[in-house]
Amino acid sequence: MSSEILSVLEYMEKEKGIPRADMISTIVNAIKTAALKGVNSGQELKIEINPKNGQLKAWSLLKVVDSVSDPKLQIHVEKAQVFKAGVIVGDTIEKEIDPSYLGRIAAQTARQAIMQRLRAFEKERIYDDFKDSVGDIVSGTVRRRERNDLYIDLGKAEAIMPGKEQVPGEEYAPGERIRCLLLEIENSSRGPEIILSRASPKFVRRLFELEVTEIADGTVKIEAFAREPGYRTKIAVTSTDAKVDPVGACVGARGARVKSIVRELGGEKIDIIPYHADTKEMLIEALKPAVPREIHLDEKNKRILVRVVNDDLAVAIGRKGQNARLTSRLVGWRLDIEEFKTTAADPRAQAIGLLVSTFGFENSIAERLVANGINSPAAFEGVEAGDLVGMGFNEQEAAGIFAKVSGS
């Protein structure tokens, strides 16, 4: 049995990384517990395993008495002196016993304890290996799909990407390599469960941090972020260095940086805009190429009403309202988009207003003049008082009109 124990200790230490002392303690406790439930019930046992050769030794702990009432726990003083000279009543001696006497059940329990400790250690190792990687991008191999969940082999452990964390339209076959965000580690009854995501906005943010050195070193900062997985991502960036263009840094030379991220996202569109603290300016940037004609802010309810011309309406709203939702999240206000309708100008009203403002006519006088074709200051040229009388004005009214025209 010692050779078997030694081989187990060496395997666990070299292949699984479980310390030898930890494994010995586990086996000893398991054997002792099992032995005390079998033929050795009621005894006190001491069990040791030599870490070098795996040899197992066992002793029964007996109290020295002058009158034995329980032979499993006590030994007569005269008999005890045979095992150890000089013992007296009240001492405790260790009487070595044959390990095989511990029973077959104890051996089976030891095997079970080894397996349980191995499983527990592997769970602990998985948590320790990945706890510091939460928020990082990891690579793995697709293993299988169960219901709507995707199981991915990360090498040291198997992870799961739930349906809600997958990008609509993306399909992966078993054996295919995949990059994901390590979203979190959940402790369940079966051990730590590694949750991956490709739909989280944090996945795209991390891709930018890996691809754009200016973001990684803090020169460029992502101030606002919004994403509709599989459709579009909008980010607003600033720069702490006046010499660095934040949008240009994210796009890269000839678009190399952003193209790399778009490829990873399977063609998802990415809008990169300069960040503005002013809500209106931020909104105008976020809606481009649509151009707002009117913007009304409701500061109290954090709502914005935007009106755009009909040609820009579809662009501003986006497919199924996605662009409007993204813009709303990016700005941080609730967004309503309406069509901007121009009101046709009334030429008659404009002419009346022009005469009133130029000569100071009463509105009724200006209306009668316009009705007779005098719809601008220039129209008085060649008109005489008699002409006005012929239009229905009395002489006093005609004189008053010409007095104001002349005085102007």
Protein backbone atom coordinates (compact mmCIF):
# COMPACT_ATOMS: atom_id res chain seq x y z
CA MET A 1 0.00 0.00 0.00
CA SER A 2 2.95 2.32 0.68
CA SER A 3 3.97 2.25 -3.00
CA GLU A 4 0.42 3.12 -4.02
CA ILE A 5 0.29 6.04 -1.59
CA LEU A 6 3.70 7.26 -2.73
CA SER A 7 2.67 7.18 -6.39
CA VAL A 8 -0.51 9.11 -5.54
CA LEU A 9 1.46 11.74 -3.61
CA GLU A 10 3.96 12.18 -6.44
CA TYR A 11 1.26 12.39 -9.11
CA MET A 12 -0.79 14.94 -7.19
CA GLU A 13 2.26 17.04 -6.48
CA LYS A 14 3.79 17.00 -9.98
CA GLU A 15 0.73 16.86 -12.23
CA LYS A 16 -1.91 18.67 -10.20
CA GLY A 17 0.19 20.96 -8.06
CA ILE A 18 -1.29 19.79 -4.75
CA PRO A 19 1.34 20.00 -1.96
CA ARG A 20 2.39 16.62 -0.57
CA ALA A 21 1.71 17.65 3.04
CA ASP A 22 -1.81 18.77 2.08
CA MET A 23 -2.52 15.41 0.42
CA ILE A 24 -1.10 13.42 3.37
CA SER A 25 -3.33 15.33 5.79
CA THR A 26 -6.36 14.60 3.62
CA ILE A 27 -5.61 10.85 3.40
CA VAL A 28 -4.85 10.51 7.13
CA ASN A 29 -8.07 12.23 8.19
CA ALA A 30 -10.12 10.14 5.76
CA ILE A 31 -8.60 6.84 6.92
CA LYS A 32 -9.01 7.74 10.57
CA THR A 33 -12.65 8.76 10.11
CA ALA A 34 -13.48 5.60 8.14
CA ALA A 35 -11.60 3.28 10.54
CA LEU A 36 -13.44 4.64 13.55
CA LYS A 37 -16.74 3.80 11.87
CA GLY A 38 -15.75 0.14 11.31
CA VAL A 39 -14.11 -2.49 13.50
CA ASN A 40 -12.10 0.20 15.25
CA SER A 41 -15.19 2.01 16.51
CA GLY A 42 -14.66 3.53 19.94
CA GLN A 43 -10.85 3.61 19.67
CA GLU A 44 -8.49 6.53 19.54
CA LEU A 45 -6.11 6.20 16.62
CA LYS A 46 -2.94 7.88 15.48
CA ILE A 47 -2.06 7.54 11.81
CA GLU A 48 1.05 8.77 10.01
CA ILE A 49 2.27 8.60 6.42
CA ASN A 50 5.94 8.97 5.60
CA PRO A 51 6.15 11.69 2.92
CA LYS A 52 9.35 10.18 1.45
CA ASN A 53 8.33 6.56 0.96
CA GLY A 54 4.57 6.64 1.47
CA GLN A 55 4.71 4.11 4.32
CA LEU A 56 1.57 4.06 6.45
CA LYS A 57 1.75 3.44 10.20
CA ALA A 58 -1.07 3.29 12.74
CA TRP A 59 -1.25 3.26 16.52
CA SER A 60 -4.01 2.73 19.04
CA LEU A 61 -3.92 5.29 21.87
CA LEU A 62 -4.56 3.61 25.23
CA LYS A 63 -4.76 5.03 28.73
CA VAL A 64 -2.81 3.14 31.43
CA VAL A 65 -5.08 1.99 34.31
CA ASP A 66 -4.96 -0.53 37.14
CA SER A 67 -8.44 -1.84 36.34
CA VAL A 68 -9.57 -2.11 32.70
CA SER A 69 -13.24 -1.31 31.99
CA ASP A 70 -12.96 -0.57 28.23
CA PRO A 71 -10.20 -2.52 26.41
CA LYS A 72 -10.53 -0.30 23.33
CA LEU A 73 -9.45 2.76 25.27
CA GLN A 74 -7.57 1.34 28.27
CA ILE A 75 -4.67 -1.01 29.05
CA HIS A 76 -3.58 -2.55 32.35
CA VAL A 77 -0.42 -1.01 33.79
CA GLU A 78 1.47 -4.36 33.84
CA LYS A 79 0.68 -5.05 30.19
CA ALA A 80 1.52 -1.48 29.25
CA GLN A 81 5.00 -1.82 30.70
CA VAL A 82 5.68 -4.55 28.15
CA PHE A 83 5.23 -2.01 25.37
CA LYS A 84 6.93 0.84 27.18
CA ALA A 85 9.00 0.55 30.30
CA GLY A 86 8.40 2.88 33.18
CA VAL A 87 4.82 3.83 32.42
CA ILE A 88 2.53 4.48 35.33
CA VAL A 89 -1.21 4.72 35.83
CA GLY A 90 -2.59 7.79 34.07
CA ASP A 91 -0.08 7.73 31.19
CA THR A 92 -1.12 7.20 27.56
CA ILE A 93 0.76 4.77 25.37
CA GLU A 94 0.81 4.28 21.62
CA LYS A 95 0.31 0.65 20.63
CA GLU A 96 1.26 0.06 17.01
CA ILE A 97 -1.26 -1.87 14.97
CA ASP A 98 -1.16 -3.46 11.51
CA PRO A 99 -2.50 -0.92 8.97
CA SER A 100 -4.42 -3.73 7.29
CA TYR A 101 -6.37 -3.99 10.53
CA LEU A 102 -7.91 -0.59 9.72
CA GLY A 103 -10.12 -2.37 7.21
CA ARG A 104 -11.04 -2.40 3.53
CA ILE A 105 -13.58 0.41 4.06
CA ALA A 106 -10.82 2.71 5.28
CA ALA A 107 -8.83 2.10 2.08
CA GLN A 108 -11.86 2.84 -0.10
CA THR A 109 -12.57 5.99 1.88
CA ALA A 110 -8.99 7.10 1.35
CA ARG A 111 -9.45 6.78 -2.41
CA GLN A 112 -12.68 8.76 -2.24
CA ALA A 113 -10.99 11.45 -0.14
CA ILE A 114 -8.20 11.73 -2.70
CA MET A 115 -10.70 12.24 -5.52
CA GLN A 116 -12.75 14.73 -3.49
CA ARG A 117 -9.64 16.71 -2.61
CA LEU A 118 -8.57 16.66 -6.23
CA ARG A 119 -11.92 18.03 -7.37
CA ALA A 120 -11.90 20.68 -4.64
CA PHE A 121 -8.35 21.68 -5.52
CA GLU A 122 -9.17 21.99 -9.21
CA LYS A 123 -12.12 24.24 -8.36
CA GLU A 124 -9.87 26.40 -6.19
CA ARG A 125 -7.22 26.47 -8.92
CA ILE A 126 -9.73 27.57 -11.57
CA TYR A 127 -10.88 30.45 -9.37
CA ASP A 128 -7.29 31.48 -8.52
CA ASP A 129 -6.17 31.24 -12.16
CA PHE A 130 -8.98 33.39 -13.57
CA LYS A 131 -10.07 35.75 -10.76
CA ASP A 132 -7.50 38.36 -11.81
CA SER A 133 -8.52 38.08 -15.49
CA VAL A 134 -12.06 39.39 -15.03
CA GLY A 135 -12.48 42.24 -17.52
CA ASP A 136 -9.74 40.92 -19.82
CA ILE A 137 -10.06 39.33 -23.26
CA VAL A 138 -9.38 35.58 -23.37
CA SER A 139 -9.11 33.13 -26.26
CA GLY A 140 -10.59 29.66 -26.37
CA THR A 141 -11.94 26.87 -28.54
CA VAL A 142 -15.65 26.29 -29.06
CA ARG A 143 -16.59 22.88 -27.67
CA ARG A 144 -20.35 22.53 -27.92
CA ARG A 145 -23.69 24.29 -27.75
CA GLU A 146 -26.31 23.29 -25.19
CA ARG A 147 -29.68 24.91 -25.67
CA ASN A 148 -28.63 28.51 -26.29
CA ASP A 149 -25.40 28.43 -24.29
CA LEU A 150 -21.95 28.09 -25.85
CA TYR A 151 -19.26 26.12 -24.00
CA ILE A 152 -15.67 27.20 -24.63
CA ASP A 153 -12.43 25.49 -23.65
CA LEU A 154 -9.94 28.00 -22.24
CA GLY A 155 -7.22 25.39 -21.75
CA LYS A 156 -7.17 25.31 -17.97
CA ALA A 157 -10.95 25.34 -17.61
CA GLU A 158 -14.22 25.28 -19.49
CA ALA A 159 -16.24 28.50 -19.67
CA ILE A 160 -19.78 29.32 -20.73
CA MET A 161 -21.14 32.12 -22.90
CA PRO A 162 -24.90 32.45 -22.19
CA GLY A 163 -27.26 33.32 -25.01
CA LYS A 164 -27.76 36.86 -23.73
CA GLU A 165 -23.99 37.48 -23.95
CA GLN A 166 -23.77 36.34 -27.59
CA VAL A 167 -23.98 38.71 -30.56
CA PRO A 168 -27.09 38.20 -32.72
CA GLY A 169 -26.14 36.65 -36.03
CA GLU A 170 -22.77 35.24 -34.91
CA GLU A 171 -22.40 31.46 -35.33
CA TYR A 172 -19.48 29.34 -34.16
CA ALA A 173 -18.72 25.73 -35.02
CA PRO A 174 -17.05 23.25 -32.62
CA GLY A 175 -13.26 23.54 -32.84
CA GLU A 176 -13.34 27.19 -33.92
CA ARG A 177 -11.15 29.71 -32.08
CA ILE A 178 -12.95 32.60 -30.42
CA ARG A 179 -12.05 35.73 -28.42
CA CYS A 180 -14.33 36.87 -25.62
CA LEU A 181 -14.45 39.11 -22.58
CA LEU A 182 -14.12 37.29 -19.26
CA LEU A 183 -17.19 38.93 -17.76
CA GLU A 184 -17.29 37.35 -14.30
CA ILE A 185 -16.69 34.23 -12.21
CA GLU A 186 -19.75 32.90 -10.38
CA ASN A 187 -19.40 30.50 -7.45
CA SER A 188 -22.03 27.80 -7.80
CA SER A 189 -22.62 24.49 -5.99
CA ARG A 190 -20.59 22.79 -8.75
CA GLY A 191 -17.70 25.17 -8.30
CA PRO A 192 -16.62 28.41 -10.01
CA GLU A 193 -18.37 29.09 -13.32
CA ILE A 194 -16.56 31.33 -15.81
CA ILE A 195 -18.95 33.61 -17.73
CA LEU A 196 -17.83 34.98 -21.11
CA SER A 197 -19.34 37.70 -23.30
CA ARG A 198 -19.05 39.14 -26.79
CA ALA A 199 -22.17 41.31 -26.48
CA SER A 200 -21.02 43.44 -23.55
CA PRO A 201 -19.93 47.03 -24.31
CA LYS A 202 -16.90 46.25 -22.15
CA PHE A 203 -15.72 43.81 -24.84
CA VAL A 204 -15.43 46.60 -27.43
CA ARG A 205 -13.91 48.98 -24.88
CA ARG A 206 -11.23 46.38 -24.07
CA LEU A 207 -10.52 45.85 -27.77
CA PHE A 208 -9.86 49.59 -28.13
CA GLU A 209 -7.56 49.53 -25.09
CA LEU A 210 -5.56 46.69 -26.67
CA GLU A 211 -5.48 48.19 -30.16
CA VAL A 212 -5.01 51.90 -29.38
CA THR A 213 -1.85 52.59 -27.39
CA GLU A 214 -3.01 56.14 -26.60
CA ILE A 215 -6.03 54.72 -24.76
CA ALA A 216 -3.87 52.19 -22.92
CA ASP A 217 -1.46 54.89 -21.68
CA GLY A 218 -4.25 57.34 -20.78
CA THR A 219 -3.52 59.98 -23.44
CA VAL A 220 -6.90 59.31 -25.05
CA LYS A 221 -9.90 58.67 -22.84
CA ILE A 222 -13.25 57.10 -23.71
CA GLU A 223 -15.73 59.48 -22.06
CA ALA A 224 -19.00 57.93 -23.27
CA PHE A 225 -19.89 54.56 -24.76
CA ALA A 226 -22.98 52.93 -26.22
CA ARG A 227 -23.44 49.68 -28.11
CA GLU A 228 -26.09 47.67 -29.95
CA PRO A 229 -24.29 44.30 -30.37
CA GLY A 230 -23.97 43.26 -33.99
CA TYR A 231 -25.24 46.61 -35.30
CA ARG A 232 -23.31 49.65 -34.17
CA THR A 233 -21.11 51.08 -31.42
CA LYS A 234 -20.71 54.77 -30.65
CA ILE A 235 -17.86 56.11 -28.55
CA ALA A 236 -16.96 59.68 -27.58
CA VAL A 237 -13.29 60.36 -26.90
CA THR A 238 -11.12 63.17 -25.53
CA SER A 239 -7.38 63.73 -25.38
CA THR A 240 -5.22 64.94 -22.50
CA ASP A 241 -2.58 66.05 -25.01
CA ALA A 242 -3.47 68.94 -27.34
CA LYS A 243 -1.14 67.48 -29.97
CA VAL A 244 -3.04 64.18 -30.11
CA ASP A 245 -6.26 63.97 -32.12
CA PRO A 246 -8.39 61.50 -30.11
CA VAL A 247 -10.56 60.43 -33.06
CA GLY A 248 -7.54 60.03 -35.35
CA ALA A 249 -5.70 57.97 -32.74
CA CYS A 250 -8.64 55.54 -32.49
CA VAL A 251 -9.09 55.31 -36.26
CA GLY A 252 -5.39 54.80 -36.96
CA ALA A 253 -3.41 55.29 -40.15
CA ARG A 254 -5.77 54.63 -43.07
CA GLY A 255 -8.27 53.27 -40.57
CA ALA A 256 -6.04 50.33 -39.62
CA ARG A 257 -6.89 50.33 -35.92
CA VAL A 258 -10.63 50.61 -36.16
CA LYS A 259 -10.72 48.16 -39.10
CA SER A 260 -9.00 45.56 -36.94
CA ILE A 261 -11.69 45.97 -34.27
CA VAL A 262 -14.49 45.90 -36.85
CA ARG A 263 -13.13 42.61 -38.22
CA GLU A 264 -13.11 41.11 -34.73
CA LEU A 265 -16.72 42.23 -34.29
CA GLY A 266 -17.80 40.65 -37.57
CA GLY A 267 -18.43 43.92 -39.40
CA GLU A 268 -20.20 45.82 -36.61
CA LYS A 269 -20.13 49.55 -37.42
CA ILE A 270 -18.21 51.87 -35.11
CA ASP A 271 -18.75 55.62 -34.83
CA ILE A 272 -15.96 57.54 -33.10
CA ILE A 273 -16.75 61.16 -32.25
CA PRO A 274 -15.08 63.92 -30.22
CA TYR A 275 -16.59 64.31 -26.78
CA HIS A 276 -18.30 67.60 -25.79
CA ALA A 277 -19.41 68.53 -22.30
CA ASP A 278 -22.20 70.64 -23.81
CA THR A 279 -25.25 68.43 -24.41
CA LYS A 280 -26.31 70.15 -27.65
CA GLU A 281 -22.86 69.93 -29.21
CA MET A 282 -22.58 66.29 -28.17
CA LEU A 283 -25.97 65.54 -29.72
CA ILE A 284 -25.07 67.23 -33.01
CA GLU A 285 -21.87 65.14 -33.24
CA ALA A 286 -23.66 61.91 -32.33
CA LEU A 287 -26.40 62.35 -34.94
CA LYS A 288 -24.09 63.04 -37.88
CA PRO A 289 -24.57 62.82 -40.84
CA ALA A 290 -28.15 63.81 -39.91
CA VAL A 291 -28.38 67.55 -39.15
CA PRO A 292 -30.79 68.73 -36.42
CA ARG A 293 -32.89 71.73 -37.47
CA GLU A 294 -34.34 72.30 -34.00
CA ILE A 295 -33.18 71.12 -30.56
CA HIS A 296 -35.30 71.60 -27.43
CA LEU A 297 -33.86 70.63 -24.05
CA ASP A 298 -36.02 69.69 -21.05
CA GLU A 299 -33.49 70.08 -18.25
CA LYS A 300 -35.89 68.96 -15.53
CA ASN A 301 -36.77 65.61 -17.11
CA LYS A 302 -33.48 65.15 -18.99
CA ARG A 303 -35.26 64.88 -22.34
CA ILE A 304 -34.32 66.23 -25.75
CA LEU A 305 -36.67 66.87 -28.66
CA VAL A 306 -34.85 66.95 -31.99
CA ARG A 307 -36.41 67.86 -35.30
CA VAL A 308 -34.73 66.91 -38.58
CA VAL A 309 -35.85 67.23 -42.18
CA ASN A 310 -37.57 64.26 -43.78
CA ASP A 311 -34.45 63.21 -45.71
CA ASP A 312 -32.49 62.88 -42.43
CA LEU A 313 -35.25 61.23 -40.43
CA ALA A 314 -34.38 57.62 -41.33
CA VAL A 315 -30.67 58.23 -40.68
CA ALA A 316 -31.29 59.86 -37.29
CA ILE A 317 -33.65 57.13 -36.09
CA GLY A 318 -31.79 54.17 -37.61
CA ARG A 319 -33.00 50.66 -38.27
CA LYS A 320 -35.64 49.76 -35.70
CA GLY A 321 -34.71 52.90 -33.76
CA GLN A 322 -31.21 51.62 -32.94
CA ASN A 323 -29.35 54.83 -33.82
CA ALA A 324 -31.73 56.91 -31.70
CA ARG A 325 -31.24 54.54 -28.74
CA LEU A 326 -27.46 54.61 -29.10
CA THR A 327 -27.41 58.41 -29.26
CA SER A 328 -29.68 58.60 -26.22
CA ARG A 329 -27.34 56.34 -24.19
CA LEU A 330 -24.25 58.19 -25.37
CA VAL A 331 -25.61 61.61 -24.42
CA GLY A 332 -27.34 60.36 -21.28
CA TRP A 333 -30.70 62.02 -22.06
CA ARG A 334 -33.96 60.55 -23.32
CA LEU A 335 -34.24 61.41 -27.01
CA ASP A 336 -37.33 62.11 -29.14
CA ILE A 337 -36.89 62.66 -32.88
CA GLU A 338 -39.53 64.31 -35.07
CA GLU A 339 -39.76 65.57 -38.63
CA PHE A 340 -39.01 69.25 -39.12
CA LYS A 341 -41.76 70.88 -41.20
CA THR A 342 -41.25 74.29 -42.74
CA THR A 343 -44.28 76.59 -42.72
CA ALA A 344 -44.96 78.26 -46.06
CA ALA A 345 -44.63 82.07 -45.88
CA ASP A 346 -47.81 84.15 -46.53
CA PRO A 347 -46.79 86.83 -49.11
CA ARG A 348 -49.86 88.96 -48.30
CA ALA A 349 -49.03 88.97 -44.60
CA GLN A 350 -45.40 89.77 -45.40
CA ALA A 351 -46.46 92.75 -47.59
CA ILE A 352 -48.78 94.11 -44.90
CA GLY A 353 -46.06 93.78 -42.29
CA LEU A 354 -43.55 95.54 -44.53
CA LEU A 355 -45.88 98.58 -45.05
CA VAL A 356 -46.68 98.78 -41.36
CA SER A 357 -43.03 98.62 -40.33
CA THR A 358 -41.83 101.04 -43.06
CA PHE A 359 -44.46 103.80 -42.87
CA GLY A 360 -46.20 103.20 -39.58
CA PHE A 361 -49.61 102.60 -41.22
CA GLU A 362 -52.43 101.14 -39.23
CA ASN A 363 -52.92 97.49 -40.03
CA SER A 364 -56.33 98.11 -41.65
CA ILE A 365 -54.90 100.77 -43.98
CA ALA A 366 -51.99 98.48 -44.95
CA GLU A 367 -54.42 95.63 -45.68
CA ARG A 368 -56.49 97.87 -48.05
CA LEU A 369 -53.37 99.12 -49.83
CA VAL A 370 -52.10 95.54 -50.40
CA ALA A 371 -55.55 94.51 -51.61
CA ASN A 372 -55.24 97.26 -54.27
CA GLY A 373 -51.80 96.13 -55.40
CA ILE A 374 -49.62 98.45 -53.36
CA ASN A 375 -47.58 95.79 -51.57
CA SER A 376 -44.20 97.50 -51.09
CA PRO A 377 -42.71 100.96 -50.56
CA ALA A 378 -41.57 100.99 -54.18
CA ALA A 379 -45.18 100.53 -55.35
CA PHE A 380 -46.02 104.12 -54.30
CA GLU A 381 -43.88 105.47 -57.12
CA GLY A 382 -46.16 107.32 -59.63
CA VAL A 383 -49.23 106.98 -57.36
CA GLU A 384 -51.11 110.19 -56.58
CA ALA A 385 -53.80 111.10 -54.00
CA GLY A 386 -56.52 110.83 -56.62
CA ASP A 387 -55.44 107.28 -57.37
CA LEU A 388 -55.97 106.35 -53.72
CA VAL A 389 -59.41 107.95 -53.72
CA GLY A 390 -60.24 105.84 -56.73
CA MET A 391 -59.21 102.77 -54.70
CA GLY A 392 -61.83 103.57 -52.07
CA PHE A 393 -59.88 105.79 -49.71
CA ASN A 394 -61.43 109.16 -48.79
CA GLU A 395 -59.45 112.34 -49.31
CA GLN A 396 -58.47 112.59 -45.65
CA GLU A 397 -57.14 109.02 -45.63
CA ALA A 398 -55.27 109.58 -48.90
CA ALA A 399 -53.65 112.73 -47.54
CA GLY A 400 -52.61 110.91 -44.35
CA ILE A 401 -51.08 108.05 -46.35
CA PHE A 402 -49.02 110.39 -48.52
CA ALA A 403 -47.94 112.37 -45.50
CA LYS A 404 -46.45 109.21 -43.96
CA VAL A 405 -44.89 108.12 -47.24
CA SER A 406 -43.30 111.55 -47.74
CA GLY A 407 -42.19 111.79 -44.13
CA SER A 408 -40.43 108.47 -44.28
